Amino acid sequence: MRVAVIPARGGSKRIPRKNIRQFGNKPMIAHSLTTAKASGLFEHVLVSTDDEEIAGVARQYGAEVPFRRPVELADDYANTTDVVAHAIRWTRACGWRIEAVCCIYATAPFLLSEDLAGACRLLESGQWEYVFAATSFGYPIQRALRRAPNGGMPMLRPEHWADRSQDLEEAFHDAGQFYWARPEIWEAASPVFSTKSTAVVLPRWRVQDIDTEEDWKRAETIFAALRLMADGA
């Protein structure tokens, strides 16, 4: 059995109520829910929340919300791994026999079924503890700048000043969309990012972290452009 767990607490500070705020044609969380269900990968799509309104919206779009997240896992310091492990313990108490769990973020409107499926195949190969979504940095991180106390902008790694961009190692970052692992890995709180993990690499134009209003507006612009492309196909 495969299970999706979507963490969606009610106390978002930087973008209040962002998990159920209208994004495009439906509440934000509904995009992750509908993609997860349409993928056909999961016997159950669970939403872990402490919030009744979020629970209602999740059920409206076909998710199961069979438990409430404990208070200690619903504050600003809540750890995603602990939230998923809590959901896994609930499934064990119900007697479910789970082979794989995919944590899907509620704010992942660009999530695609084929990405979930590709990552699932990688996990089932048995080579990896975690399989997640990542994307490349658009500029060499070795040439990054920092702001000095006096307002100056020196390089973080000045030894790379004269290096050509194409000679520098490509770097990647977490796309903040999904994370596959077996239940025992979640419960052991093994580190997600390590040589024991691998990633499905997504194009940069389909990745947007959504933590600020600026992030939200940029995501809306990308979403609108993708809809226009789909309508014109």
Protein backbone atom coordinates (compact mmCIF):
# COMPACT_ATOMS: atom_id res chain seq x y z
CA MET A 1 0.00 0.00 0.00
CA ARG A 2 1.19 3.52 -0.81
CA VAL A 3 -0.03 6.54 1.15
CA ALA A 4 0.30 10.27 0.53
CA VAL A 5 0.52 12.58 3.54
CA ILE A 6 -0.11 16.30 2.99
CA PRO A 7 0.87 18.47 5.99
CA ALA A 8 -1.36 21.55 6.22
CA ARG A 9 -1.40 23.39 9.52
CA GLY A 10 -3.60 26.41 10.05
CA GLY A 11 -1.12 28.86 11.56
CA SER A 12 0.87 30.14 8.59
CA LYS A 13 2.31 33.53 9.58
CA ARG A 14 3.91 35.08 6.48
CA ILE A 15 0.93 34.28 4.23
CA PRO A 16 -2.10 33.84 6.50
CA ARG A 17 -4.30 30.85 5.61
CA LYS A 18 -2.11 30.15 2.58
CA ASN A 19 -3.03 26.45 2.43
CA ILE A 20 -6.64 27.28 1.52
CA ARG A 21 -6.20 30.70 -0.07
CA GLN A 22 -7.56 30.82 -3.61
CA PHE A 23 -4.85 30.11 -6.15
CA GLY A 24 -5.90 30.07 -9.77
CA ASN A 25 -9.16 28.21 -9.97
CA LYS A 26 -9.26 26.56 -6.53
CA PRO A 27 -7.82 26.62 -2.99
CA MET A 28 -4.05 26.14 -2.88
CA ILE A 29 -4.14 22.72 -1.18
CA ALA A 30 -6.58 21.42 -3.80
CA HIS A 31 -3.86 21.46 -6.47
CA SER A 32 -1.71 18.97 -4.54
CA LEU A 33 -4.74 16.88 -3.61
CA THR A 34 -6.13 16.55 -7.11
CA THR A 35 -2.73 15.69 -8.59
CA ALA A 36 -2.05 13.08 -5.91
CA LYS A 37 -5.41 11.43 -6.48
CA ALA A 38 -5.19 11.63 -10.28
CA SER A 39 -1.78 9.95 -10.23
CA GLY A 40 -3.35 6.63 -9.24
CA LEU A 41 -0.32 5.91 -7.04
CA PHE A 42 -2.01 6.04 -3.65
CA GLU A 43 -4.60 3.93 -1.87
CA HIS A 44 -5.05 6.79 0.62
CA VAL A 45 -4.40 10.54 0.46
CA LEU A 46 -4.29 11.86 4.03
CA VAL A 47 -4.19 15.47 5.17
CA SER A 48 -2.53 16.15 8.53
CA THR A 49 -3.98 19.35 9.96
CA ASP A 50 -4.95 21.01 13.20
CA ASP A 51 -7.51 23.23 11.48
CA GLU A 52 -11.19 22.44 10.89
CA GLU A 53 -11.57 24.75 7.91
CA ILE A 54 -8.58 23.19 6.16
CA ALA A 55 -9.98 19.75 6.96
CA GLY A 56 -13.29 20.71 5.34
CA VAL A 57 -11.64 21.96 2.17
CA ALA A 58 -9.46 18.84 1.99
CA ARG A 59 -12.48 16.55 2.24
CA GLN A 60 -14.26 18.59 -0.41
CA TYR A 61 -11.45 17.71 -2.83
CA GLY A 62 -11.40 14.03 -1.94
CA ALA A 63 -8.79 13.73 0.79
CA GLU A 64 -9.14 11.79 4.03
CA VAL A 65 -8.73 13.69 7.29
CA PRO A 66 -9.21 10.92 9.86
CA PHE A 67 -7.24 12.51 12.71
CA ARG A 68 -6.20 15.91 14.05
CA ARG A 69 -2.56 16.82 14.26
CA PRO A 70 -1.39 17.21 17.89
CA VAL A 71 -0.77 20.73 19.16
CA GLU A 72 2.93 20.06 19.65
CA LEU A 73 3.25 19.33 15.92
CA ALA A 74 1.31 22.39 14.78
CA ASP A 75 3.45 25.35 15.84
CA ASP A 76 6.08 27.32 13.89
CA TYR A 77 8.76 24.80 14.85
CA ALA A 78 6.90 21.71 13.66
CA ASN A 79 9.16 19.32 11.78
CA THR A 80 7.83 17.74 8.59
CA THR A 81 9.47 14.39 9.38
CA ASP A 82 7.75 14.28 12.78
CA VAL A 83 4.40 15.14 11.17
CA VAL A 84 4.72 12.33 8.65
CA ALA A 85 5.89 9.87 11.33
CA HIS A 86 2.81 10.76 13.39
CA ALA A 87 0.58 9.96 10.41
CA ILE A 88 2.41 6.66 9.88
CA ARG A 89 1.85 5.67 13.52
CA TRP A 90 -1.86 6.38 13.05
CA THR A 91 -1.96 4.08 10.01
CA ARG A 92 -0.16 1.34 11.93
CA ALA A 93 -2.73 1.60 14.72
CA CYS A 94 -5.38 1.02 12.04
CA GLY A 95 -3.61 -2.10 10.83
CA TRP A 96 -2.61 -0.71 7.44
CA ARG A 97 0.36 -2.42 5.74
CA ILE A 98 2.25 0.45 4.13
CA GLU A 99 5.15 0.01 1.72
CA ALA A 100 5.84 3.64 0.82
CA VAL A 101 4.81 7.10 2.01
CA CYS A 102 4.99 10.29 -0.04
CA CYS A 103 4.90 13.59 1.80
CA ILE A 104 3.43 16.19 -0.56
CA TYR A 105 3.45 19.85 0.37
CA ALA A 106 0.13 21.68 0.31
CA THR A 107 1.72 24.59 -1.56
CA ALA A 108 2.85 22.70 -4.67
CA PRO A 109 0.56 23.94 -7.48
CA PHE A 110 3.02 22.85 -10.20
CA LEU A 111 3.13 19.23 -9.04
CA LEU A 112 2.72 16.69 -11.86
CA SER A 113 1.62 13.05 -11.64
CA GLU A 114 4.50 11.92 -13.83
CA ASP A 115 7.04 13.41 -11.42
CA LEU A 116 5.46 11.51 -8.53
CA ALA A 117 5.43 8.33 -10.60
CA GLY A 118 9.04 8.68 -11.70
CA ALA A 119 10.17 9.24 -8.12
CA CYS A 120 8.13 6.24 -6.97
CA ARG A 121 9.91 4.01 -9.48
CA LEU A 122 13.27 5.22 -8.20
CA LEU A 123 12.27 4.43 -4.60
CA GLU A 124 11.05 0.97 -5.58
CA SER A 125 14.40 0.23 -7.21
CA GLY A 126 15.66 -0.25 -3.66
CA GLN A 127 18.73 1.97 -4.10
CA TRP A 128 17.54 5.02 -2.18
CA GLU A 129 16.20 6.00 1.23
CA TYR A 130 14.46 9.13 -0.07
CA VAL A 131 13.49 10.36 -3.51
CA PHE A 132 12.42 13.99 -3.76
CA ALA A 133 12.00 16.83 -6.26
CA ALA A 134 14.90 19.20 -6.89
CA THR A 135 15.92 21.83 -9.40
CA SER A 136 19.18 23.50 -10.37
CA PHE A 137 20.31 26.95 -9.32
CA GLY A 138 20.09 29.41 -12.18
CA TYR A 139 23.51 30.89 -11.43
CA PRO A 140 26.71 29.30 -10.05
CA ILE A 141 26.48 29.35 -6.26
CA GLN A 142 30.29 29.53 -6.11
CA ARG A 143 29.98 33.11 -7.38
CA ALA A 144 27.38 34.17 -4.81
CA LEU A 145 27.65 37.56 -3.09
CA ARG A 146 27.01 38.52 0.52
CA ARG A 147 26.10 41.81 2.13
CA ALA A 148 28.88 43.03 4.46
CA PRO A 149 28.11 45.04 7.64
CA ASN A 150 29.15 48.26 5.86
CA GLY A 151 26.77 47.60 2.96
CA GLY A 152 29.44 46.28 0.62
CA MET A 153 28.84 43.23 -1.60
CA PRO A 154 31.91 40.95 -1.61
CA MET A 155 31.93 37.39 -2.96
CA LEU A 156 31.31 34.50 -0.60
CA ARG A 157 33.97 32.52 -2.45
CA PRO A 158 36.37 35.10 -3.96
CA GLU A 159 38.71 32.33 -5.14
CA HIS A 160 36.18 31.70 -7.93
CA TRP A 161 36.28 35.28 -9.26
CA ALA A 162 38.09 34.35 -12.47
CA ASP A 163 36.49 30.94 -13.02
CA ARG A 164 34.23 30.48 -16.02
CA SER A 165 30.63 29.63 -15.15
CA GLN A 166 30.75 26.46 -17.27
CA ASP A 167 33.76 25.20 -15.29
CA LEU A 168 31.96 25.35 -11.92
CA GLU A 169 30.09 22.38 -10.47
CA GLU A 170 26.33 22.51 -11.00
CA ALA A 171 24.35 22.86 -7.78
CA PHE A 172 20.77 21.97 -6.93
CA HIS A 173 18.19 22.80 -4.29
CA ASP A 174 15.08 21.16 -2.88
CA ALA A 175 12.02 22.00 -5.00
CA GLY A 176 9.69 21.83 -1.98
CA GLN A 177 7.11 19.60 -3.67
CA PHE A 178 7.32 15.98 -2.51
CA TYR A 179 9.43 13.38 -0.66
CA TRP A 180 9.08 9.62 -1.06
CA ALA A 181 10.42 7.17 1.52
CA ARG A 182 9.55 3.90 3.17
CA PRO A 183 7.72 4.22 6.51
CA GLU A 184 10.65 2.96 8.59
CA ILE A 185 12.88 5.68 7.12
CA TRP A 186 10.39 8.39 8.08
CA GLU A 187 10.05 6.96 11.58
CA ALA A 188 13.82 6.79 12.03
CA ALA A 189 14.07 10.49 11.05
CA SER A 190 16.89 9.69 8.64
CA PRO A 191 18.29 12.82 6.94
CA VAL A 192 16.55 13.59 3.65
CA PHE A 193 19.55 15.08 1.86
CA SER A 194 22.45 12.65 1.68
CA THR A 195 24.26 10.26 -0.64
CA LYS A 196 21.52 7.75 0.24
CA SER A 197 18.90 9.96 -1.42
CA THR A 198 18.29 11.00 -5.01
CA ALA A 199 16.05 13.46 -6.82
CA VAL A 200 13.82 13.91 -9.80
CA VAL A 201 15.20 17.12 -11.33
CA LEU A 202 12.51 19.57 -12.42
CA PRO A 203 12.90 22.56 -14.76
CA ARG A 204 13.39 25.82 -12.88
CA TRP A 205 10.30 27.39 -14.44
CA ARG A 206 8.13 24.78 -12.69
CA VAL A 207 9.50 25.38 -9.20
CA GLN A 208 8.52 28.17 -6.84
CA ASP A 209 8.81 28.24 -3.06
CA ILE A 210 5.75 30.08 -1.69
CA ASP A 211 6.57 31.73 1.63
CA THR A 212 6.00 35.46 0.94
CA GLU A 213 3.52 37.59 -0.97
CA GLU A 214 6.20 38.14 -3.62
CA ASP A 215 6.55 34.35 -3.97
CA TRP A 216 2.77 34.04 -4.27
CA LYS A 217 2.53 36.65 -7.04
CA ARG A 218 5.35 35.04 -8.99
CA ALA A 219 3.69 31.62 -8.66
CA GLU A 220 0.39 33.06 -9.90
CA THR A 221 2.16 34.51 -12.93
CA ILE A 222 3.77 31.16 -13.76
CA PHE A 223 0.47 29.34 -13.22
CA ALA A 224 -1.40 31.72 -15.53
CA ALA A 225 1.26 31.33 -18.23
CA LEU A 226 1.11 27.53 -18.01
CA ARG A 227 -2.69 27.62 -18.35
CA LEU A 228 -2.41 29.77 -21.46
CA MET A 229 0.08 27.33 -22.94
CA ALA A 230 -2.22 24.40 -22.16
CA ASP A 231 -5.26 26.17 -23.66
CA GLY A 232 -3.31 26.92 -26.83
CA ALA A 233 -1.98 23.38 -27.23
